[in-house]
Structure formats: C-alpha cells, structure tokens
Amino acid sequence: MKTRQEQMEEEALAYHKKNLEVWDKFEEFAFDRIQKGFKSFSASAIIQRIRWDYTDIGGRGEVLFKIPNAHAAFYARWFMKKYPEHEGFFRTCVQKSAFRPAKAS
C-alpha cells in the first residue's frame, strides 16, 4: 500500500519535471547561502525567495511559479542526496505522511 509521503513525493517529482528552472534556482540559492557561511538554512525560505524573485513584477504581477509549500521538504532532501557533502544543511524531520495511507485519487 502506498503511503501519503510516497504520493506527495510523486506529486513533487511531477511538478519538478515540468518546472526544471525551479530546481536550478533552488540549487543556486542554496549554494549562495552555503558560500556565505551558513551552516544550515530553510528550504521553505528558498522556495519563498523563488516565488518572490520570479513574480512578473514588470507585467501584471503574476506569479510565474506556483510552488506548493509541501514540496520544500522534498527539494531539501533531493539537494542533500545530490550533494551528500551538505547533508544536514537543511533540517528535516520524519514526515508524518510516511505513516498515513495515500489519499484516494
């Protein structure tokens, strides 16, 4: 039986595949914090910065990336998996969704 966490990660991965530039910016902003000497940082803050920096300010003020808040935890884990030398840079906890069944489609 699939867990809610697995379902949420599948949703995050589907979003990621459609919006690869979000990952590029996530990496860029994470490495910016690392280079500035931060020992840890918030994945949610990076997601918020992407939202803020990629609003069409000169146009109608439309948000270019509607990133679900729940995706931040997955981006953090993906980053630390890709760059194991930065394991622990994002604080993570056990996801409660790992113990819940997936929602019906």
PDB file of N, CA and C in Angstrom:
ATOM      1  N   MET A   1       0.841  -1.179   0.000  1.00  0.00           N
ATOM      2  CA  MET A   1       0.000   0.000   0.000  1.00  0.00           C
ATOM      3  C   MET A   1       0.892   1.250   0.000  1.00  0.00           C
ATOM      4  N   LYS A   2       0.554   2.182  -0.845  1.00  0.00           N
ATOM      5  CA  LYS A   2       1.315   3.425  -0.965  1.00  0.00           C
ATOM      6  C   LYS A   2       1.006   4.343   0.227  1.00  0.00           C
ATOM      7  N   THR A   3       2.048   5.024   0.710  1.00  0.00           N
ATOM      8  CA  THR A   3       1.849   5.982   1.796  1.00  0.00           C
ATOM      9  C   THR A   3       1.558   7.366   1.226  1.00  0.00           C
ATOM     10  N   ARG A   4       1.054   8.222   2.080  1.00  0.00           N
ATOM     11  CA  ARG A   4       0.817   9.610   1.668  1.00  0.00           C
ATOM     12  C   ARG A   4       2.137  10.283   1.302  1.00  0.00           C
ATOM     13  N   GLN A   5       3.220   9.948   2.008  1.00  0.00           N
ATOM     14  CA  GLN A   5       4.529  10.526   1.692  1.00  0.00           C
ATOM     15  C   GLN A   5       4.957  10.146   0.280  1.00  0.00           C
ATOM     16  N   GLU A   6       4.805   8.896  -0.080  1.00  0.00           N
ATOM     17  CA  GLU A   6       5.164   8.455  -1.429  1.00  0.00           C
ATOM     18  C   GLU A   6       4.320   9.182  -2.472  1.00  0.00           C
ATOM     19  N   GLN A   7       3.046   9.327  -2.169  1.00  0.00           N
ATOM     20  CA  GLN A   7       2.151  10.037  -3.082  1.00  0.00           C
ATOM     21  C   GLN A   7       2.581  11.499  -3.236  1.00  0.00           C
ATOM     22  N   MET A   8       2.920  12.141  -2.119  1.00  0.00           N
ATOM     23  CA  MET A   8       3.339  13.547  -2.162  1.00  0.00           C
ATOM     24  C   MET A   8       4.657  13.704  -2.911  1.00  0.00           C
ATOM     25  N   GLU A   9       5.567  12.747  -2.738  1.00  0.00           N
ATOM     26  CA  GLU A   9       6.838  12.842  -3.456  1.00  0.00           C
ATOM     27  C   GLU A   9       6.621  12.643  -4.958  1.00  0.00           C
ATOM     28  N   GLU A  10       5.712  11.774  -5.329  1.00  0.00           N
ATOM     29  CA  GLU A  10       5.375  11.612  -6.746  1.00  0.00           C
ATOM     30  C   GLU A  10       4.824  12.912  -7.323  1.00  0.00           C
ATOM     31  N   GLU A  11       3.983  13.589  -6.552  1.00  0.00           N
ATOM     32  CA  GLU A  11       3.435  14.878  -6.992  1.00  0.00           C
ATOM     33  C   GLU A  11       4.542  15.913  -7.128  1.00  0.00           C
ATOM     34  N   ALA A  12       5.464  15.937  -6.153  1.00  0.00           N
ATOM     35  CA  ALA A  12       6.583  16.885  -6.199  1.00  0.00           C
ATOM     36  C   ALA A  12       7.487  16.587  -7.398  1.00  0.00           C
ATOM     37  N   LEU A  13       7.712  15.320  -7.669  1.00  0.00           N
ATOM     38  CA  LEU A  13       8.553  14.937  -8.802  1.00  0.00           C
ATOM     39  C   LEU A  13       7.894  15.314 -10.129  1.00  0.00           C
ATOM     40  N   ALA A  14       6.593  15.131 -10.232  1.00  0.00           N
ATOM     41  CA  ALA A  14       5.869  15.519 -11.451  1.00  0.00           C
ATOM     42  C   ALA A  14       5.965  17.030 -11.643  1.00  0.00           C
ATOM     43  N   TYR A  15       5.829  17.790 -10.556  1.00  0.00           N
ATOM     44  CA  TYR A  15       5.970  19.247 -10.621  1.00  0.00           C
ATOM     45  C   TYR A  15       7.389  19.603 -11.070  1.00  0.00           C
ATOM     46  N   HIS A  16       8.365  18.952 -10.456  1.00  0.00           N
ATOM     47  CA  HIS A  16       9.770  19.212 -10.756  1.00  0.00           C
ATOM     48  C   HIS A  16      10.067  19.004 -12.248  1.00  0.00           C
ATOM     49  N   LYS A  17       9.558  17.920 -12.811  1.00  0.00           N
ATOM     50  CA  LYS A  17       9.818  17.612 -14.221  1.00  0.00           C
ATOM     51  C   LYS A  17       9.229  18.664 -15.156  1.00  0.00           C
ATOM     52  N   LYS A  18       8.158  19.313 -14.728  1.00  0.00           N
ATOM     53  CA  LYS A  18       7.525  20.355 -15.551  1.00  0.00           C
ATOM     54  C   LYS A  18       8.152  21.725 -15.330  1.00  0.00           C
ATOM     55  N   ASN A  19       8.918  21.878 -14.243  1.00  0.00           N
ATOM     56  CA  ASN A  19       9.457  23.181 -13.851  1.00  0.00           C
ATOM     57  C   ASN A  19      10.919  23.050 -13.435  1.00  0.00           C
ATOM     58  N   LEU A  20      11.748  22.593 -14.351  1.00  0.00           N
ATOM     59  CA  LEU A  20      13.162  22.341 -14.028  1.00  0.00           C
ATOM     60  C   LEU A  20      13.892  23.599 -13.568  1.00  0.00           C
ATOM     61  N   GLU A  21      13.445  24.762 -14.022  1.00  0.00           N
ATOM     62  CA  GLU A  21      14.108  26.004 -13.620  1.00  0.00           C
ATOM     63  C   GLU A  21      13.953  26.271 -12.126  1.00  0.00           C
ATOM     64  N   VAL A  22      12.921  25.713 -11.491  1.00  0.00           N
ATOM     65  CA  VAL A  22      12.779  25.870 -10.040  1.00  0.00           C
ATOM     66  C   VAL A  22      13.936  25.158  -9.341  1.00  0.00           C
ATOM     67  N   TRP A  23      14.281  23.966  -9.805  1.00  0.00           N
ATOM     68  CA  TRP A  23      15.417  23.233  -9.224  1.00  0.00           C
ATOM     69  C   TRP A  23      16.708  24.013  -9.416  1.00  0.00           C
ATOM     70  N   ASP A  24      16.903  24.582 -10.605  1.00  0.00           N
ATOM     71  CA  ASP A  24      18.113  25.369 -10.866  1.00  0.00           C
ATOM     72  C   ASP A  24      18.228  26.517  -9.874  1.00  0.00           C
ATOM     73  N   LYS A  25      17.138  27.207  -9.639  1.00  0.00           N
ATOM     74  CA  LYS A  25      17.141  28.329  -8.699  1.00  0.00           C
ATOM     75  C   LYS A  25      17.308  27.837  -7.270  1.00  0.00           C
ATOM     76  N   PHE A  26      16.696  26.706  -6.940  1.00  0.00           N
ATOM     77  CA  PHE A  26      16.846  26.147  -5.595  1.00  0.00           C
ATOM     78  C   PHE A  26      18.322  25.867  -5.312  1.00  0.00           C
ATOM     79  N   GLU A  27      18.990  25.206  -6.262  1.00  0.00           N
ATOM     80  CA  GLU A  27      20.428  24.942  -6.103  1.00  0.00           C
ATOM     81  C   GLU A  27      21.218  26.248  -5.993  1.00  0.00           C
ATOM     82  N   GLU A  28      20.929  27.184  -6.881  1.00  0.00           N
ATOM     83  CA  GLU A  28      21.650  28.460  -6.879  1.00  0.00           C
ATOM     84  C   GLU A  28      21.532  29.165  -5.533  1.00  0.00           C
ATOM     85  N   PHE A  29      20.319  29.256  -5.021  1.00  0.00           N
ATOM     86  CA  PHE A  29      20.102  29.977  -3.764  1.00  0.00           C
ATOM     87  C   PHE A  29      20.661  29.194  -2.571  1.00  0.00           C
ATOM     88  N   ALA A  30      20.610  27.861  -2.618  1.00  0.00           N
ATOM     89  CA  ALA A  30      21.201  27.059  -1.537  1.00  0.00           C
ATOM     90  C   ALA A  30      22.716  27.253  -1.516  1.00  0.00           C
ATOM     91  N   PHE A  31      23.346  27.185  -2.684  1.00  0.00           N
ATOM     92  CA  PHE A  31      24.800  27.373  -2.734  1.00  0.00           C
ATOM     93  C   PHE A  31      25.190  28.803  -2.360  1.00  0.00           C
ATOM     94  N   ASP A  32      24.353  29.763  -2.657  1.00  0.00           N
ATOM     95  CA  ASP A  32      24.610  31.142  -2.235  1.00  0.00           C
ATOM     96  C   ASP A  32      24.698  31.220  -0.711  1.00  0.00           C
ATOM     97  N   ARG A  33      23.771  30.558  -0.035  1.00  0.00           N
ATOM     98  CA  ARG A  33      23.780  30.560   1.438  1.00  0.00           C
ATOM     99  C   ARG A  33      25.005  29.798   1.962  1.00  0.00           C
ATOM    100  N   ILE A  34      25.326  28.689   1.336  1.00  0.00           N
ATOM    101  CA  ILE A  34      26.491  27.893   1.755  1.00  0.00           C
ATOM    102  C   ILE A  34      27.764  28.719   1.598  1.00  0.00           C
ATOM    103  N   GLN A  35      27.915  29.393   0.465  1.00  0.00           N
ATOM    104  CA  GLN A  35      29.110  30.208   0.207  1.00  0.00           C
ATOM    105  C   GLN A  35      29.197  31.392   1.162  1.00  0.00           C
ATOM    106  N   LYS A  36      28.060  31.832   1.674  1.00  0.00           N
ATOM    107  CA  LYS A  36      28.061  32.947   2.629  1.00  0.00           C
ATOM    108  C   LYS A  36      28.314  32.475   4.051  1.00  0.00           C
ATOM    109  N   GLY A  37      28.559  31.174   4.214  1.00  0.00           N
ATOM    110  CA  GLY A  37      28.941  30.651   5.518  1.00  0.00           C
ATOM    111  C   GLY A  37      27.826  30.085   6.372  1.00  0.00           C
ATOM    112  N   PHE A  38      26.624  30.009   5.842  1.00  0.00           N
ATOM    113  CA  PHE A  38      25.535  29.423   6.615  1.00  0.00           C
ATOM    114  C   PHE A  38      25.805  27.939   6.825  1.00  0.00           C
ATOM    115  N   LYS A  39      25.594  27.470   8.031  1.00  0.00           N
ATOM    116  CA  LYS A  39      25.766  26.043   8.341  1.00  0.00           C
ATOM    117  C   LYS A  39      24.465  25.283   8.118  1.00  0.00           C
ATOM    118  N   SER A  40      23.358  25.994   8.174  1.00  0.00           N
ATOM    119  CA  SER A  40      22.057  25.407   7.880  1.00  0.00           C
ATOM    120  C   SER A  40      21.153  26.524   7.371  1.00  0.00           C
ATOM    121  N   PHE A  41      20.071  26.116   6.718  1.00  0.00           N
ATOM    122  CA  PHE A  41      19.150  27.109   6.165  1.00  0.00           C
ATOM    123  C   PHE A  41      17.795  26.456   5.968  1.00  0.00           C
ATOM    124  N   SER A  42      16.830  27.264   5.634  1.00  0.00           N
ATOM    125  CA  SER A  42      15.458  26.810   5.461  1.00  0.00           C
ATOM    126  C   SER A  42      15.128  26.592   3.980  1.00  0.00           C
ATOM    127  N   ALA A  43      14.721  25.375   3.653  1.00  0.00           N
ATOM    128  CA  ALA A  43      14.278  25.090   2.282  1.00  0.00           C
ATOM    129  C   ALA A  43      13.029  25.917   1.966  1.00  0.00           C
ATOM    130  N   SER A  44      12.175  26.121   2.949  1.00  0.00           N
ATOM    131  CA  SER A  44      10.975  26.932   2.739  1.00  0.00           C
ATOM    132  C   SER A  44      11.345  28.373   2.393  1.00  0.00           C
ATOM    133  N   ALA A  45      12.381  28.895   3.019  1.00  0.00           N
ATOM    134  CA  ALA A  45      12.821  30.260   2.715  1.00  0.00           C
ATOM    135  C   ALA A  45      13.310  30.352   1.272  1.00  0.00           C
ATOM    136  N   ILE A  46      13.980  29.321   0.808  1.00  0.00           N
ATOM    137  CA  ILE A  46      14.446  29.321  -0.584  1.00  0.00           C
ATOM    138  C   ILE A  46      13.255  29.266  -1.532  1.00  0.00           C
ATOM    139  N   ILE A  47      12.268  28.441  -1.218  1.00  0.00           N
ATOM    140  CA  ILE A  47      11.062  28.372  -2.049  1.00  0.00           C
ATOM    141  C   ILE A  47      10.375  29.738  -2.071  1.00  0.00           C
ATOM    142  N   GLN A  48      10.310  30.400  -0.918  1.00  0.00           N
ATOM    143  CA  GLN A  48       9.699  31.735  -0.865  1.00  0.00           C
ATOM    144  C   GLN A  48      10.493  32.733  -1.706  1.00  0.00           C
ATOM    145  N   ARG A  49      11.801  32.634  -1.663  1.00  0.00           N
ATOM    146  CA  ARG A  49      12.629  33.542  -2.470  1.00  0.00           C
ATOM    147  C   ARG A  49      12.388  33.312  -3.958  1.00  0.00           C
ATOM    148  N   ILE A  50      12.276  32.067  -4.360  1.00  0.00           N
ATOM    149  CA  ILE A  50      11.986  31.781  -5.771  1.00  0.00           C
ATOM    150  C   ILE A  50      10.652  32.417  -6.148  1.00  0.00           C
ATOM    151  N   ARG A  51       9.666  32.249  -5.289  1.00  0.00           N
ATOM    152  CA  ARG A  51       8.357  32.865  -5.549  1.00  0.00           C
ATOM    153  C   ARG A  51       8.492  34.380  -5.671  1.00  0.00           C
ATOM    154  N   TRP A  52       9.231  34.964  -4.744  1.00  0.00           N
ATOM    155  CA  TRP A  52       9.378  36.423  -4.719  1.00  0.00           C
ATOM    156  C   TRP A  52      10.145  36.923  -5.944  1.00  0.00           C
ATOM    157  N   ASP A  53      11.276  36.302  -6.240  1.00  0.00           N
ATOM    158  CA  ASP A  53      12.135  36.753  -7.332  1.00  0.00           C
ATOM    159  C   ASP A  53      11.548  36.477  -8.702  1.00  0.00           C
ATOM    160  N   TYR A  54      10.642  35.529  -8.784  1.00  0.00           N
ATOM    161  CA  TYR A  54      10.101  35.170 -10.089  1.00  0.00           C
ATOM    162  C   TYR A  54       8.621  35.498 -10.214  1.00  0.00           C
ATOM    163  N   THR A  55       8.271  36.644  -9.659  1.00  0.00           N
ATOM    164  CA  THR A  55       6.968  37.232  -9.903  1.00  0.00           C
ATOM    165  C   THR A  55       7.181  38.229 -11.038  1.00  0.00           C
ATOM    166  N   ASP A  56       6.288  38.251 -11.953  1.00  0.00           N
ATOM    167  CA  ASP A  56       6.395  39.141 -13.113  1.00  0.00           C
ATOM    168  C   ASP A  56       6.140  40.585 -12.665  1.00  0.00           C
ATOM    169  N   ILE A  57       7.127  41.172 -12.023  1.00  0.00           N
ATOM    170  CA  ILE A  57       6.986  42.498 -11.438  1.00  0.00           C
ATOM    171  C   ILE A  57       6.705  43.561 -12.496  1.00  0.00           C
ATOM    172  N   GLY A  58       7.343  43.470 -13.625  1.00  0.00           N
ATOM    173  CA  GLY A  58       7.158  44.466 -14.669  1.00  0.00           C
ATOM    174  C   GLY A  58       5.854  44.316 -15.434  1.00  0.00           C
ATOM    175  N   GLY A  59       5.241  43.169 -15.311  1.00  0.00           N
ATOM    176  CA  GLY A  59       3.991  42.928 -16.041  1.00  0.00           C
ATOM    177  C   GLY A  59       2.796  43.115 -15.138  1.00  0.00           C
ATOM    178  N   ARG A  60       1.982  42.103 -15.077  1.00  0.00           N
ATOM    179  CA  ARG A  60       0.751  42.175 -14.293  1.00  0.00           C
ATOM    180  C   ARG A  60       0.931  41.657 -12.880  1.00  0.00           C
ATOM    181  N   GLY A  61       2.159  41.382 -12.475  1.00  0.00           N
ATOM    182  CA  GLY A  61       2.405  40.877 -11.126  1.00  0.00           C
ATOM    183  C   GLY A  61       2.009  39.420 -10.954  1.00  0.00           C
ATOM    184  N   GLU A  62       1.998  38.681 -12.042  1.00  0.00           N
ATOM    185  CA  GLU A  62       1.621  37.276 -11.967  1.00  0.00           C
ATOM    186  C   GLU A  62       2.783  36.442 -11.439  1.00  0.00           C
ATOM    187  N   VAL A  63       2.455  35.467 -10.620  1.00  0.00           N
ATOM    188  CA  VAL A  63       3.458  34.550 -10.110  1.00  0.00           C
ATOM    189  C   VAL A  63       3.790  33.556 -11.214  1.00  0.00           C
ATOM    190  N   LEU A  64       5.077  33.426 -11.529  1.00  0.00           N
ATOM    191  CA  LEU A  64       5.488  32.522 -12.594  1.00  0.00           C
ATOM    192  C   LEU A  64       5.567  31.074 -12.122  1.00  0.00           C
ATOM    193  N   PHE A  65       5.851  30.860 -10.830  1.00  0.00           N
ATOM    194  CA  PHE A  65       5.956  29.518 -10.290  1.00  0.00           C
ATOM    195  C   PHE A  65       5.040  29.396  -9.092  1.00  0.00           C
ATOM    196  N   LYS A  66       4.023  28.591  -9.216  1.00  0.00           N
ATOM    197  CA  LYS A  66       3.137  28.312  -8.087  1.00  0.00           C
ATOM    198  C   LYS A  66       3.639  27.009  -7.475  1.00  0.00           C
ATOM    199  N   ILE A  67       4.497  27.152  -6.487  1.00  0.00           N
ATOM    200  CA  ILE A  67       5.153  26.001  -5.879  1.00  0.00           C
ATOM    201  C   ILE A  67       4.401  25.627  -4.597  1.00  0.00           C
ATOM    202  N   PRO A  68       3.871  24.425  -4.525  1.00  0.00           N
ATOM    203  CA  PRO A  68       3.206  24.006  -3.288  1.00  0.00           C
ATOM    204  C   PRO A  68       4.197  23.989  -2.116  1.00  0.00           C
ATOM    205  N   ASN A  69       3.756  24.465  -0.964  1.00  0.00           N
ATOM    206  CA  ASN A  69       4.625  24.504   0.216  1.00  0.00           C
ATOM    207  C   ASN A  69       5.178  23.128   0.573  1.00  0.00           C
ATOM    208  N   ALA A  70       4.384  22.096   0.384  1.00  0.00           N
ATOM    209  CA  ALA A  70       4.808  20.742   0.755  1.00  0.00           C
ATOM    210  C   ALA A  70       6.018  20.273  -0.042  1.00  0.00           C
ATOM    211  N   HIS A  71       6.282  20.891  -1.168  1.00  0.00           N
ATOM    212  CA  HIS A  71       7.416  20.470  -1.999  1.00  0.00           C
ATOM    213  C   HIS A  71       8.761  20.861  -1.387  1.00  0.00           C
ATOM    214  N   ALA A  72       8.797  21.831  -0.521  1.00  0.00           N
ATOM    215  CA  ALA A  72      10.065  22.294   0.062  1.00  0.00           C
ATOM    216  C   ALA A  72      10.819  21.147   0.733  1.00  0.00           C
ATOM    217  N   ALA A  73      10.108  20.298   1.455  1.00  0.00           N
ATOM    218  CA  ALA A  73      10.757  19.178   2.149  1.00  0.00           C
ATOM    219  C   ALA A  73      11.431  18.231   1.155  1.00  0.00           C
ATOM    220  N   PHE A  74      10.808  18.030   0.013  1.00  0.00           N
ATOM    221  CA  PHE A  74      11.379  17.134  -0.990  1.00  0.00           C
ATOM    222  C   PHE A  74      12.576  17.784  -1.678  1.00  0.00           C
ATOM    223  N   TYR A  75      12.474  19.075  -1.984  1.00  0.00           N
ATOM    224  CA  TYR A  75      13.615  19.767  -2.585  1.00  0.00           C
ATOM    225  C   TYR A  75      14.816  19.710  -1.642  1.00  0.00           C
ATOM    226  N   ALA A  76      14.588  19.897  -0.356  1.00  0.00           N
ATOM    227  CA  ALA A  76      15.679  19.828   0.621  1.00  0.00           C
ATOM    228  C   ALA A  76      16.333  18.452   0.607  1.00  0.00           C
ATOM    229  N   ARG A  77      15.523  17.418   0.629  1.00  0.00           N
ATOM    230  CA  ARG A  77      16.057  16.053   0.640  1.00  0.00           C
ATOM    231  C   ARG A  77      16.768  15.728  -0.669  1.00  0.00           C
ATOM    232  N   TRP A  78      16.212  16.142  -1.785  1.00  0.00           N
ATOM    233  CA  TRP A  78      16.858  15.898  -3.084  1.00  0.00           C
ATOM    234  C   TRP A  78      18.209  16.594  -3.152  1.00  0.00           C
ATOM    235  N   PHE A  79      18.266  17.835  -2.632  1.00  0.00           N
ATOM    236  CA  PHE A  79      19.521  18.587  -2.642  1.00  0.00           C
ATOM    237  C   PHE A  79      20.586  17.834  -1.842  1.00  0.00           C
ATOM    238  N   MET A  80      20.231  17.404  -0.633  1.00  0.00           N
ATOM    239  CA  MET A  80      21.220  16.740   0.222  1.00  0.00           C
ATOM    240  C   MET A  80      21.589  15.358  -0.310  1.00  0.00           C
ATOM    241  N   LYS A  81      20.688  14.724  -1.030  1.00  0.00           N
ATOM    242  CA  LYS A  81      21.024  13.446  -1.659  1.00  0.00           C
ATOM    243  C   LYS A  81      22.000  13.670  -2.817  1.00  0.00           C
ATOM    244  N   LYS A  82      21.768  14.720  -3.605  1.00  0.00           N
ATOM    245  CA  LYS A  82      22.646  15.023  -4.734  1.00  0.00           C
ATOM    246  C   LYS A  82      24.011  15.516  -4.264  1.00  0.00           C
ATOM    247  N   TYR A  83      24.019  16.250  -3.158  1.00  0.00           N
ATOM    248  CA  TYR A  83      25.256  16.819  -2.616  1.00  0.00           C
ATOM    249  C   TYR A  83      25.446  16.315  -1.184  1.00  0.00           C
ATOM    250  N   PRO A  84      25.873  15.066  -1.020  1.00  0.00           N
ATOM    251  CA  PRO A  84      25.982  14.488   0.324  1.00  0.00           C
ATOM    252  C   PRO A  84      26.938  15.242   1.248  1.00  0.00           C
ATOM    253  N   GLU A  85      27.846  16.005   0.658  1.00  0.00           N
ATOM    254  CA  GLU A  85      28.744  16.813   1.498  1.00  0.00           C
ATOM    255  C   GLU A  85      27.987  17.915   2.242  1.00  0.00           C
ATOM    256  N   HIS A  86      26.753  18.146   1.851  1.00  0.00           N
ATOM    257  CA  HIS A  86      25.924  19.156   2.514  1.00  0.00           C
ATOM    258  C   HIS A  86      24.763  18.533   3.288  1.00  0.00           C
ATOM    259  N   GLU A  87      24.915  17.244   3.602  1.00  0.00           N
ATOM    260  CA  GLU A  87      23.919  16.557   4.426  1.00  0.00           C
ATOM    261  C   GLU A  87      23.744  17.339   5.731  1.00  0.00           C
ATOM    262  N   GLY A  88      22.524  17.609   6.094  1.00  0.00           N
ATOM    263  CA  GLY A  88      22.237  18.355   7.313  1.00  0.00           C
ATOM    264  C   GLY A  88      22.112  19.855   7.103  1.00  0.00           C
ATOM    265  N   PHE A  89      22.417  20.341   5.903  1.00  0.00           N
ATOM    266  CA  PHE A  89      22.286  21.786   5.655  1.00  0.00           C
ATOM    267  C   PHE A  89      20.833  22.220   5.833  1.00  0.00           C
ATOM    268  N   PHE A  90      19.927  21.394   5.356  1.00  0.00           N
ATOM    269  CA  PHE A  90      18.506  21.638   5.584  1.00  0.00           C
ATOM    270  C   PHE A  90      18.069  20.722   6.712  1.00  0.00           C
ATOM    271  N   ARG A  91      17.421  21.287   7.688  1.00  0.00           N
ATOM    272  CA  ARG A  91      16.915  20.477   8.794  1.00  0.00           C
ATOM    273  C   ARG A  91      15.648  19.770   8.326  1.00  0.00           C
ATOM    274  N   THR A  92      15.644  18.484   8.505  1.00  0.00           N
ATOM    275  CA  THR A  92      14.481  17.698   8.126  1.00  0.00           C
ATOM    276  C   THR A  92      14.027  16.879   9.327  1.00  0.00           C
ATOM    277  N   CYS A  93      12.811  16.456   9.282  1.00  0.00           N
ATOM    278  CA  CYS A  93      12.279  15.609  10.340  1.00  0.00           C
ATOM    279  C   CYS A  93      11.527  14.461   9.679  1.00  0.00           C
ATOM    280  N   VAL A  94      11.119  13.530  10.479  1.00  0.00           N
ATOM    281  CA  VAL A  94      10.334  12.422   9.957  1.00  0.00           C
ATOM    282  C   VAL A  94       9.017  13.002   9.456  1.00  0.00           C
ATOM    283  N   GLN A  95       8.664  12.636   8.255  1.00  0.00           N
ATOM    284  CA  GLN A  95       7.418  13.133   7.686  1.00  0.00           C
ATOM    285  C   GLN A  95       6.266  12.259   8.178  1.00  0.00           C
ATOM    286  N   LYS A  96       5.303  12.899   8.839  1.00  0.00           N
ATOM    287  CA  LYS A  96       4.144  12.175   9.372  1.00  0.00           C
ATOM    288  C   LYS A  96       3.393  11.443   8.269  1.00  0.00           C
ATOM    289  N   SER A  97       3.491  11.979   7.067  1.00  0.00           N
ATOM    290  CA  SER A  97       2.797  11.363   5.934  1.00  0.00           C
ATOM    291  C   SER A  97       3.326   9.965   5.620  1.00  0.00           C
ATOM    292  N   ALA A  98       4.515   9.636   6.132  1.00  0.00           N
ATOM    293  CA  ALA A  98       5.088   8.310   5.898  1.00  0.00           C
ATOM    294  C   ALA A  98       4.284   7.222   6.614  1.00  0.00           C
ATOM    295  N   PHE A  99       3.457   7.637   7.558  1.00  0.00           N
ATOM    296  CA  PHE A  99       2.684   6.681   8.348  1.00  0.00           C
ATOM    297  C   PHE A  99       1.190   6.732   8.034  1.00  0.00           C
ATOM    298  N   ARG A 100       0.863   7.445   6.973  1.00  0.00           N
ATOM    299  CA  ARG A 100      -0.551   7.571   6.585  1.00  0.00           C
ATOM    300  C   ARG A 100      -0.752   6.983   5.189  1.00  0.00           C
ATOM    301  N   PRO A 101      -1.920   6.434   4.954  1.00  0.00           N
ATOM    302  CA  PRO A 101      -2.192   5.895   3.624  1.00  0.00           C
ATOM    303  C   PRO A 101      -2.363   7.038   2.617  1.00  0.00           C
ATOM    304  N   ALA A 102      -2.091   6.726   1.362  1.00  0.00           N
ATOM    305  CA  ALA A 102      -2.268   7.715   0.283  1.00  0.00           C
ATOM    306  C   ALA A 102      -3.736   8.111   0.195  1.00  0.00           C
ATOM    307  N   LYS A 103      -3.956   9.328  -0.263  1.00  0.00           N
ATOM    308  CA  LYS A 103      -5.326   9.791  -0.483  1.00  0.00           C
ATOM    309  C   LYS A 103      -5.863   9.152  -1.760  1.00  0.00           C
ATOM    310  N   ALA A 104      -7.142   8.947  -1.778  1.00  0.00           N
ATOM    311  CA  ALA A 104      -7.785   8.391  -2.972  1.00  0.00           C
ATOM    312  C   ALA A 104      -7.698   9.415  -4.091  1.00  0.00           C
ATOM    313  N   SER A 105      -7.473   8.932  -5.287  1.00  0.00           N
ATOM    314  CA  SER A 105      -7.347   9.821  -6.457  1.00  0.00           C
ATOM    315  C   SER A 105      -8.678  10.324  -6.928  1.00  0.00           C
TER     316      SER A 105
END
